[in-house]
Amino acid sequence: MSSFLKAVITVLVVSLHLPAQDIRSTDPKQRVKAARELGKQASPSAVEQLTPLLSDPEANVRAEAVKAIVQVGTAGSLDPLIQALKDNDPTVQMLATDGIVNYYLPGYVQRGLRKIGSTLRTGLTGDDNDQIVPIYTRVREDVVIALGRVASGGSSMESRANAARAVGILRGRAAIPDLIASLKAKNSDVIYESLAALQKIRDNGVGPRIVFLVNDLDDRVQTTALETVGLLECKECAPDVRKAFNRARNVKIKRSALAALAMIPVEENREVYLKYFNDKDDSLRASAAEGLGRLKNPADLPMIQKAFDEESKMNARLAQAFAIVDLGKLDMAEFGSERYLLNTLNSAKYKNIAQAYLIELARSQAVRESLYPALTPSATKDEKIGLAHVFAASGDRASVDHLQPLSKDSDNEIASEVLRALRILKTRVE
């Protein structure tokens, strides 16, 4: 072998092992650089080389190692990320938290690895807190438990709030005890994110354990607590919610409290529903109508039908339509209440409200049967997709056969959404 060839081989061997040598460098900057290089390799061996850096004495090196592990993104990344959750540096904890969520919800970490702090604080406004993994996503229980521990005892309030949000996104039922413990934190972000997570997990049994927050002095916490006990249909909470409604210090809290009462249909709330059924505030009218619909007293139908025929505000009219259908009047005629809800799926501004009402109503077999004929080739794109979401959430085995033809729709977006809906539906019913 020529001396030149030996030299080339030596250079290649050295370059192949350079990251490992840099990882052991006494210079933190070199260790950071080596971590970044390894992050570009989507291989288990890269994760193995990066893992020792999670014990590095320098926090910035540990943070860079976590970023790189997240970037690799293989199944083998989860265990090192769980290890990183135990770090005493808040930034490392948050990076690991986001990385775990990104594994189960690809794209959660946008534009590369987001800068911790600025992006997170924007996220904590609650405006984008609707992310959640599909029901068919299987999340490891030890992952949820590890995130729960950060939510209840992380190294900073920001890392705790971030972990609580992650638990909600992953539907982390195993972390409920930690979320309940986090509600005692003296930090509004932590409390808010814990409540939002409990909404996503939807364990109705936790309602009585969070009801104390419906009187919180922080407006955002109070309104979120009211919304949560309502979504959890906590009948035991109704007296506390009525007190919060009567003591509301502003209209926003009053609206949240009545919306919560509307989701807790107990006869004791009837007087409140009737009092605000014709209120000048259309949000209050809407909640009152919802509550009466859920009480399911047939004697209320003529009154609600008259209000629906005369109503000019969209929020209230949608709620009245919901109440009419909930009271058993299934009317798909041109100007019928059920048809009105279906047509509203075409409205960019109100389709989510209409879809939520239809999801609740479609828990009834009679309503599902009345909606199936709307799944026709002539239905609009938004109607097809909206109804697919409705049946994914509230359908039964029979719904599968009604959705199946739309999975071959000529519109790729419709076909894709229907296939996803079918997967969710089958996970629920099989």
Protein backbone atom coordinates (compact mmCIF):
# COMPACT_ATOMS: atom_id res chain seq x y z
CA MET A 1 0.00 0.00 0.00
CA SER A 2 1.39 3.39 -1.00
CA SER A 3 2.15 6.03 1.59
CA PHE A 4 -0.39 8.33 -0.08
CA LEU A 5 -3.20 5.74 0.25
CA LYS A 6 -2.30 5.14 3.89
CA ALA A 7 -2.54 8.87 4.53
CA VAL A 8 -6.00 9.07 2.92
CA ILE A 9 -7.26 6.13 4.98
CA THR A 10 -5.89 7.71 8.17
CA VAL A 11 -7.72 10.99 7.42
CA LEU A 12 -10.97 9.14 6.75
CA VAL A 13 -10.73 7.12 9.97
CA VAL A 14 -10.01 10.24 12.02
CA SER A 15 -12.91 12.14 10.40
CA LEU A 16 -15.33 9.28 11.09
CA HIS A 17 -14.48 9.40 14.79
CA LEU A 18 -14.23 13.16 15.08
CA PRO A 19 -17.62 13.74 16.75
CA ALA A 20 -16.80 11.20 19.48
CA GLN A 21 -13.42 12.84 20.05
CA ASP A 22 -15.03 16.29 20.20
CA ILE A 23 -17.65 15.01 22.66
CA ARG A 24 -14.78 14.18 25.03
CA SER A 25 -13.11 17.51 24.42
CA THR A 26 -12.28 19.69 27.44
CA ASP A 27 -13.66 22.65 25.49
CA PRO A 28 -17.47 23.02 25.94
CA LYS A 29 -17.72 24.74 22.56
CA GLN A 30 -16.31 21.66 20.87
CA ARG A 31 -18.76 19.42 22.71
CA VAL A 32 -21.63 21.65 21.56
CA LYS A 33 -20.35 21.51 18.00
CA ALA A 34 -20.05 17.73 18.12
CA ALA A 35 -23.62 17.42 19.43
CA ARG A 36 -24.93 19.53 16.56
CA GLU A 37 -23.12 17.39 14.01
CA LEU A 38 -24.46 14.19 15.52
CA GLY A 39 -27.99 15.61 15.44
CA LYS A 40 -27.83 15.60 11.66
CA GLN A 41 -27.49 11.80 11.66
CA ALA A 42 -30.86 10.05 11.90
CA SER A 43 -29.43 6.90 13.41
CA PRO A 44 -29.58 5.05 16.75
CA SER A 45 -25.79 5.26 17.02
CA ALA A 46 -26.02 9.07 17.08
CA VAL A 47 -28.39 8.91 20.06
CA GLU A 48 -26.02 6.52 21.84
CA GLN A 49 -23.13 8.95 21.39
CA LEU A 50 -25.22 11.92 22.49
CA THR A 51 -26.65 10.35 25.64
CA PRO A 52 -23.47 10.78 27.77
CA LEU A 53 -23.69 14.53 27.12
CA LEU A 54 -26.91 14.63 29.13
CA SER A 55 -24.67 14.42 32.21
CA ASP A 56 -22.30 17.16 31.03
CA PRO A 57 -21.45 19.76 33.71
CA GLU A 58 -22.32 22.58 31.28
CA ALA A 59 -26.06 23.31 30.88
CA ASN A 60 -25.62 24.64 27.34
CA VAL A 61 -23.94 21.38 26.30
CA ARG A 62 -26.77 19.34 27.83
CA ALA A 63 -29.30 21.56 26.05
CA GLU A 64 -27.54 21.09 22.73
CA ALA A 65 -27.48 17.34 23.26
CA VAL A 66 -31.24 17.34 23.84
CA LYS A 67 -31.80 19.39 20.69
CA ALA A 68 -29.72 16.93 18.72
CA ILE A 69 -31.56 13.91 20.15
CA VAL A 70 -34.86 15.52 19.21
CA GLN A 71 -33.54 16.18 15.73
CA VAL A 72 -32.58 12.52 15.32
CA GLY A 73 -36.16 11.65 16.25
CA THR A 74 -35.98 7.85 16.39
CA ALA A 75 -37.88 5.68 18.89
CA GLY A 76 -34.60 5.33 20.76
CA SER A 77 -34.71 9.06 21.50
CA LEU A 78 -37.47 8.71 24.08
CA ASP A 79 -35.45 7.16 26.91
CA PRO A 80 -32.69 9.82 26.78
CA LEU A 81 -35.37 12.54 26.67
CA ILE A 82 -37.02 11.07 29.77
CA GLN A 83 -33.61 11.21 31.41
CA ALA A 84 -33.28 14.87 30.39
CA LEU A 85 -36.60 15.68 32.08
CA LYS A 86 -34.81 15.13 35.40
CA ASP A 87 -32.29 17.89 34.63
CA ASN A 88 -32.20 20.79 37.08
CA ASP A 89 -31.97 23.35 34.28
CA PRO A 90 -35.40 24.67 33.12
CA THR A 91 -34.31 25.09 29.51
CA VAL A 92 -33.13 21.49 29.30
CA GLN A 93 -36.40 20.30 30.82
CA MET A 94 -38.45 22.33 28.34
CA LEU A 95 -36.43 21.17 25.37
CA ALA A 96 -36.87 17.55 26.43
CA THR A 97 -40.59 18.09 26.99
CA ASP A 98 -41.06 19.62 23.55
CA GLY A 99 -38.98 16.85 22.00
CA ILE A 100 -41.16 14.15 23.52
CA VAL A 101 -44.31 15.84 22.23
CA ASN A 102 -42.70 16.24 18.81
CA TYR A 103 -42.07 12.49 18.66
CA TYR A 104 -45.79 11.75 19.11
CA LEU A 105 -47.04 14.84 17.29
CA PRO A 106 -44.60 15.49 14.43
CA GLY A 107 -44.29 19.16 13.62
CA TYR A 108 -44.88 20.35 17.19
CA VAL A 109 -41.39 21.77 17.19
CA GLN A 110 -41.55 24.14 14.23
CA ARG A 111 -38.85 25.85 12.19
CA GLY A 112 -36.09 23.69 13.61
CA LEU A 113 -35.80 23.68 17.38
CA ARG A 114 -37.76 26.65 18.67
CA LYS A 115 -36.18 29.13 21.01
CA ILE A 116 -37.29 28.34 24.51
CA GLY A 117 -38.85 31.32 26.20
CA SER A 118 -40.24 33.55 23.48
CA THR A 119 -42.20 30.91 21.61
CA LEU A 120 -43.33 29.19 24.77
CA ARG A 121 -44.62 32.38 26.33
CA THR A 122 -46.59 33.13 23.19
CA GLY A 123 -48.07 29.65 23.43
CA LEU A 124 -49.13 30.16 27.03
CA THR A 125 -51.71 32.77 26.09
CA GLY A 126 -54.08 29.89 25.48
CA ASP A 127 -54.87 31.03 21.93
CA ASP A 128 -53.29 27.94 20.37
CA ASN A 129 -53.96 25.42 23.11
CA ASP A 130 -55.99 23.05 20.96
CA GLN A 131 -53.27 20.59 19.94
CA ILE A 132 -53.83 16.96 20.88
CA VAL A 133 -52.67 13.59 19.57
CA PRO A 134 -55.26 11.43 17.78
CA ILE A 135 -57.03 8.91 19.96
CA TYR A 136 -55.25 6.05 18.19
CA THR A 137 -51.79 7.32 19.21
CA ARG A 138 -50.28 5.03 21.84
CA VAL A 139 -48.18 7.02 24.29
CA ARG A 140 -45.90 5.15 26.67
CA GLU A 141 -47.12 5.41 30.25
CA ASP A 142 -43.63 6.04 31.62
CA VAL A 143 -43.38 9.05 29.31
CA VAL A 144 -46.62 10.48 30.73
CA ILE A 145 -45.55 9.82 34.32
CA ALA A 146 -42.20 11.52 33.74
CA LEU A 147 -43.90 14.59 32.25
CA GLY A 148 -46.35 14.63 35.15
CA ARG A 149 -43.49 14.81 37.62
CA VAL A 150 -42.13 17.87 35.83
CA ALA A 151 -45.61 19.45 35.82
CA SER A 152 -45.89 19.10 39.58
CA GLY A 153 -42.25 19.66 40.54
CA GLY A 154 -40.17 20.98 37.66
CA SER A 155 -37.20 23.28 38.16
CA SER A 156 -39.14 26.42 37.18
CA MET A 157 -42.75 27.51 36.84
CA GLU A 158 -42.27 27.83 33.09
CA SER A 159 -40.99 24.27 32.73
CA ARG A 160 -43.90 23.07 34.89
CA ALA A 161 -46.45 24.88 32.73
CA ASN A 162 -44.81 23.52 29.59
CA ALA A 163 -44.92 19.96 30.92
CA ALA A 164 -48.59 20.31 31.92
CA ARG A 165 -49.38 21.41 28.38
CA ALA A 166 -47.49 18.39 27.04
CA VAL A 167 -49.48 16.04 29.27
CA GLY A 168 -52.71 17.42 27.81
CA ILE A 169 -51.50 17.10 24.23
CA LEU A 170 -50.59 13.45 24.87
CA ARG A 171 -53.91 12.71 26.67
CA GLY A 172 -51.81 11.68 29.65
CA ARG A 173 -54.31 10.09 32.02
CA ALA A 174 -51.52 8.62 34.18
CA ALA A 175 -50.44 12.16 35.10
CA ILE A 176 -53.82 13.27 36.50
CA PRO A 177 -52.57 13.19 40.13
CA ASP A 178 -49.70 15.51 39.19
CA LEU A 179 -52.04 17.86 37.33
CA ILE A 180 -54.33 18.03 40.36
CA ALA A 181 -51.31 18.78 42.56
CA SER A 182 -50.25 21.51 40.11
CA LEU A 183 -53.54 23.32 40.67
CA LYS A 184 -52.19 24.36 44.07
CA ALA A 185 -49.23 26.14 42.47
CA LYS A 186 -49.06 29.87 43.07
CA ASN A 187 -48.60 30.51 39.38
CA SER A 188 -51.39 31.24 36.91
CA ASP A 189 -49.62 29.69 33.90
CA VAL A 190 -49.13 26.37 35.69
CA ILE A 191 -52.75 26.33 36.88
CA TYR A 192 -54.11 27.31 33.48
CA GLU A 193 -52.09 24.68 31.61
CA SER A 194 -53.07 21.99 34.14
CA LEU A 195 -56.75 22.83 33.71
CA ALA A 196 -56.42 22.83 29.93
CA ALA A 197 -54.75 19.40 30.13
CA LEU A 198 -57.57 18.03 32.28
CA GLN A 199 -60.05 19.25 29.67
CA LYS A 200 -58.27 17.22 27.01
CA ILE A 201 -57.99 14.09 29.14
CA ARG A 202 -61.71 14.30 30.01
CA ASP A 203 -61.84 12.27 33.21
CA ASN A 204 -65.21 13.39 34.55
CA GLY A 205 -64.34 12.18 38.04
CA VAL A 206 -61.91 15.05 38.68
CA GLY A 207 -64.56 17.78 38.58
CA PRO A 208 -65.09 18.04 42.35
CA ARG A 209 -61.33 18.29 42.88
CA ILE A 210 -60.96 21.40 40.75
CA VAL A 211 -64.19 23.24 41.56
CA PHE A 212 -62.47 25.44 44.15
CA LEU A 213 -60.90 27.34 41.25
CA VAL A 214 -64.23 28.61 39.89
CA ASN A 215 -63.85 31.48 42.35
CA ASP A 216 -60.20 32.23 41.62
CA LEU A 217 -59.19 35.89 41.54
CA ASP A 218 -57.31 35.52 38.25
CA ASP A 219 -59.79 35.98 35.40
CA ARG A 220 -58.11 33.51 33.06
CA VAL A 221 -57.86 30.82 35.72
CA GLN A 222 -61.45 31.36 36.82
CA THR A 223 -62.92 31.25 33.33
CA THR A 224 -60.85 28.17 32.44
CA ALA A 225 -61.91 26.43 35.66
CA LEU A 226 -65.56 27.20 34.87
CA GLU A 227 -65.14 25.87 31.36
CA THR A 228 -63.44 22.74 32.69
CA VAL A 229 -66.10 21.77 35.24
CA GLY A 230 -68.68 22.36 32.52
CA LEU A 231 -66.91 20.16 29.98
CA LEU A 232 -66.54 17.49 32.66
CA GLU A 233 -70.32 17.74 33.29
CA CYS A 234 -69.75 17.96 37.02
CA LYS A 235 -73.25 17.99 38.50
CA GLU A 236 -71.81 18.19 42.01
CA CYS A 237 -70.16 21.45 40.96
CA ALA A 238 -73.40 23.18 39.92
CA PRO A 239 -73.99 25.02 43.25
CA ASP A 240 -70.46 26.47 43.18
CA VAL A 241 -70.84 27.49 39.54
CA ARG A 242 -74.15 29.21 40.29
CA LYS A 243 -72.45 31.16 43.08
CA ALA A 244 -69.65 32.15 40.71
CA PHE A 245 -72.26 33.26 38.20
CA ASN A 246 -74.11 35.40 40.75
CA ARG A 247 -70.86 36.96 41.99
CA ALA A 248 -69.30 37.49 38.56
CA ARG A 249 -67.19 40.65 38.61
CA ASN A 250 -67.35 41.18 34.84
CA VAL A 251 -69.31 40.04 31.81
CA LYS A 252 -66.61 37.63 30.62
CA ILE A 253 -66.82 35.63 33.84
CA LYS A 254 -70.61 35.81 33.75
CA ARG A 255 -70.63 34.35 30.24
CA SER A 256 -68.19 31.58 31.22
CA ALA A 257 -70.22 30.70 34.29
CA LEU A 258 -73.51 30.46 32.39
CA ALA A 259 -71.80 28.44 29.63
CA ALA A 260 -70.63 26.03 32.34
CA LEU A 261 -74.11 25.82 33.84
CA ALA A 262 -75.47 25.06 30.36
CA MET A 263 -73.25 21.98 30.23
CA ILE A 264 -74.48 20.81 33.63
CA PRO A 265 -78.19 20.15 32.97
CA VAL A 266 -79.69 19.85 36.45
CA GLU A 267 -83.19 21.07 37.22
CA GLU A 268 -81.82 23.55 39.77
CA ASN A 269 -80.32 25.49 36.86
CA ARG A 270 -83.62 25.86 35.03
CA GLU A 271 -84.51 29.17 36.66
CA VAL A 272 -81.22 30.68 35.49
CA TYR A 273 -81.73 29.37 31.95
CA LEU A 274 -85.22 30.89 31.74
CA LYS A 275 -84.10 34.22 33.19
CA TYR A 276 -81.40 34.70 30.52
CA PHE A 277 -83.16 33.05 27.59
CA ASN A 278 -84.18 36.46 26.22
CA ASP A 279 -81.25 38.47 27.55
CA LYS A 280 -79.87 41.28 25.39
CA ASP A 281 -76.44 39.58 25.46
CA ASP A 282 -76.48 36.96 22.67
CA SER A 283 -73.79 34.87 24.40
CA LEU A 284 -75.97 34.56 27.49
CA ARG A 285 -79.01 33.79 25.32
CA ALA A 286 -77.02 31.06 23.60
CA SER A 287 -75.97 29.39 26.87
CA ALA A 288 -79.51 29.58 28.24
CA ALA A 289 -80.84 27.86 25.12
CA GLU A 290 -78.19 25.15 25.35
CA GLY A 291 -79.09 24.47 28.96
CA LEU A 292 -82.79 24.17 28.21
CA GLY A 293 -82.05 21.82 25.34
CA ARG A 294 -79.98 19.56 27.56
CA LEU A 295 -82.72 19.49 30.22
CA LYS A 296 -84.86 17.82 27.51
CA ASN A 297 -88.23 19.10 28.71
CA PRO A 298 -90.59 18.82 25.68
CA ALA A 299 -92.68 21.69 27.03
CA ASP A 300 -89.81 24.08 26.19
CA LEU A 301 -89.81 23.26 22.49
CA PRO A 302 -92.40 25.84 21.29
CA MET A 303 -90.61 28.65 23.13
CA ILE A 304 -87.21 27.69 21.70
CA GLN A 305 -88.61 27.21 18.20
CA LYS A 306 -90.14 30.69 18.29
CA ALA A 307 -86.83 32.17 19.44
CA PHE A 308 -84.98 30.33 16.65
CA ASP A 309 -87.38 31.68 14.02
CA GLU A 310 -86.93 35.25 15.26
CA GLU A 311 -83.23 35.27 16.27
CA SER A 312 -80.83 37.49 14.32
CA LYS A 313 -77.52 36.68 16.06
CA MET A 314 -75.62 33.64 14.81
CA ASN A 315 -74.29 32.41 18.18
CA ALA A 316 -77.71 32.38 19.79
CA ARG A 317 -79.44 30.94 16.71
CA LEU A 318 -76.99 28.03 16.51
CA ALA A 319 -77.57 27.29 20.20
CA GLN A 320 -81.34 27.40 19.69
CA ALA A 321 -81.02 25.05 16.72
CA PHE A 322 -78.97 22.70 18.89
CA ALA A 323 -81.62 22.82 21.63
CA ILE A 324 -84.44 22.07 19.18
CA VAL A 325 -82.63 19.00 17.85
CA ASP A 326 -81.66 17.93 21.39
CA LEU A 327 -85.35 18.07 22.29
CA GLY A 328 -85.99 15.52 19.54
CA LYS A 329 -87.16 17.60 16.59
CA LEU A 330 -85.09 16.30 13.68
CA ASP A 331 -85.79 18.63 10.79
CA MET A 332 -83.60 18.48 7.69
CA ALA A 333 -85.99 20.57 5.61
CA GLU A 334 -84.58 23.69 3.96
CA PHE A 335 -85.25 25.97 6.93
CA GLY A 336 -85.13 23.30 9.64
CA SER A 337 -82.91 23.58 12.70
CA GLU A 338 -80.89 20.45 11.96
CA ARG A 339 -80.30 21.56 8.37
CA TYR A 340 -79.21 24.95 9.74
CA LEU A 341 -76.48 23.29 11.81
CA LEU A 342 -75.37 21.24 8.80
CA ASN A 343 -75.30 24.29 6.50
CA THR A 344 -73.18 26.18 9.03
CA LEU A 345 -70.37 23.68 8.46
CA ASN A 346 -69.73 25.81 5.36
CA SER A 347 -69.10 28.93 7.43
CA ALA A 348 -65.43 29.65 8.12
CA LYS A 349 -66.35 31.64 11.23
CA TYR A 350 -68.95 29.37 12.80
CA LYS A 351 -68.27 25.86 11.50
CA ASN A 352 -66.40 24.77 14.64
CA ILE A 353 -69.38 25.71 16.79
CA ALA A 354 -71.80 23.85 14.52
CA GLN A 355 -69.50 20.83 14.43
CA ALA A 356 -69.25 20.73 18.24
CA TYR A 357 -73.05 20.82 18.51
CA LEU A 358 -73.43 18.05 15.93
CA ILE A 359 -70.83 15.91 17.70
CA GLU A 360 -72.85 16.11 20.91
CA LEU A 361 -76.16 15.54 19.15
CA ALA A 362 -74.81 12.59 17.15
CA ARG A 363 -74.35 10.60 20.34
CA SER A 364 -78.02 9.82 19.72
CA GLN A 365 -78.65 7.06 17.21
CA ALA A 366 -81.72 8.87 15.90
CA VAL A 367 -79.62 11.94 15.08
CA ARG A 368 -76.92 9.82 13.42
CA GLU A 369 -79.56 8.14 11.27
CA SER A 370 -80.93 11.53 10.23
CA LEU A 371 -77.44 12.78 9.25
CA TYR A 372 -76.33 9.80 7.16
CA PRO A 373 -78.33 10.87 4.07
CA ALA A 374 -76.33 14.11 4.03
CA LEU A 375 -73.19 12.12 3.17
CA THR A 376 -73.81 12.32 -0.56
CA PRO A 377 -71.47 13.10 -3.47
CA SER A 378 -73.33 16.42 -3.89
CA ALA A 379 -72.50 17.57 -0.34
CA THR A 380 -69.98 20.39 -0.12
CA LYS A 381 -66.37 19.77 0.79
CA ASP A 382 -66.83 21.35 4.22
CA GLU A 383 -69.96 19.31 4.90
CA LYS A 384 -68.19 16.06 4.03
CA ILE A 385 -65.17 16.85 6.19
CA GLY A 386 -67.28 18.24 9.04
CA LEU A 387 -69.55 15.20 9.13
CA ALA A 388 -66.52 12.92 8.99
CA HIS A 389 -65.27 14.59 12.18
CA VAL A 390 -68.73 14.28 13.73
CA PHE A 391 -68.94 10.55 13.09
CA ALA A 392 -65.32 10.00 14.11
CA ALA A 393 -66.19 11.42 17.54
CA SER A 394 -69.74 10.12 17.99
CA GLY A 395 -70.35 7.39 15.44
CA ASP A 396 -70.83 3.68 16.00
CA ARG A 397 -70.01 0.58 13.95
CA ALA A 398 -72.76 1.42 11.46
CA SER A 399 -71.11 4.79 10.79
CA VAL A 400 -68.09 3.05 9.28
CA ASP A 401 -70.11 1.84 6.29
CA HIS A 402 -71.57 5.30 5.71
CA LEU A 403 -68.15 6.99 5.77
CA GLN A 404 -66.28 4.39 3.72
CA PRO A 405 -67.39 5.60 0.25
CA LEU A 406 -66.08 9.10 0.95
CA SER A 407 -62.61 7.70 1.58
CA LYS A 408 -62.37 7.38 -2.22
CA ASP A 409 -63.56 10.91 -2.93
CA SER A 410 -61.95 12.57 -5.94
CA ASP A 411 -60.87 15.46 -3.70
CA ASN A 412 -57.67 14.28 -2.01
CA GLU A 413 -58.22 16.46 1.06
CA ILE A 414 -61.67 14.98 1.64
CA ALA A 415 -60.38 11.44 1.14
CA SER A 416 -57.50 12.06 3.55
CA GLU A 417 -59.73 13.55 6.26
CA VAL A 418 -62.25 10.73 5.92
CA LEU A 419 -59.54 8.08 6.18
CA ARG A 420 -58.28 9.74 9.35
CA ALA A 421 -61.85 9.91 10.69
CA LEU A 422 -62.33 6.22 9.94
CA ARG A 423 -59.16 5.37 11.82
CA ILE A 424 -60.35 7.33 14.86
CA LEU A 425 -63.83 5.82 14.64
CA LYS A 426 -62.53 2.26 14.37
CA THR A 427 -60.23 2.82 17.34
CA ARG A 428 -63.22 3.96 19.38
CA VAL A 429 -65.68 1.22 18.46
CA GLU A 430 -63.50 -1.85 17.90
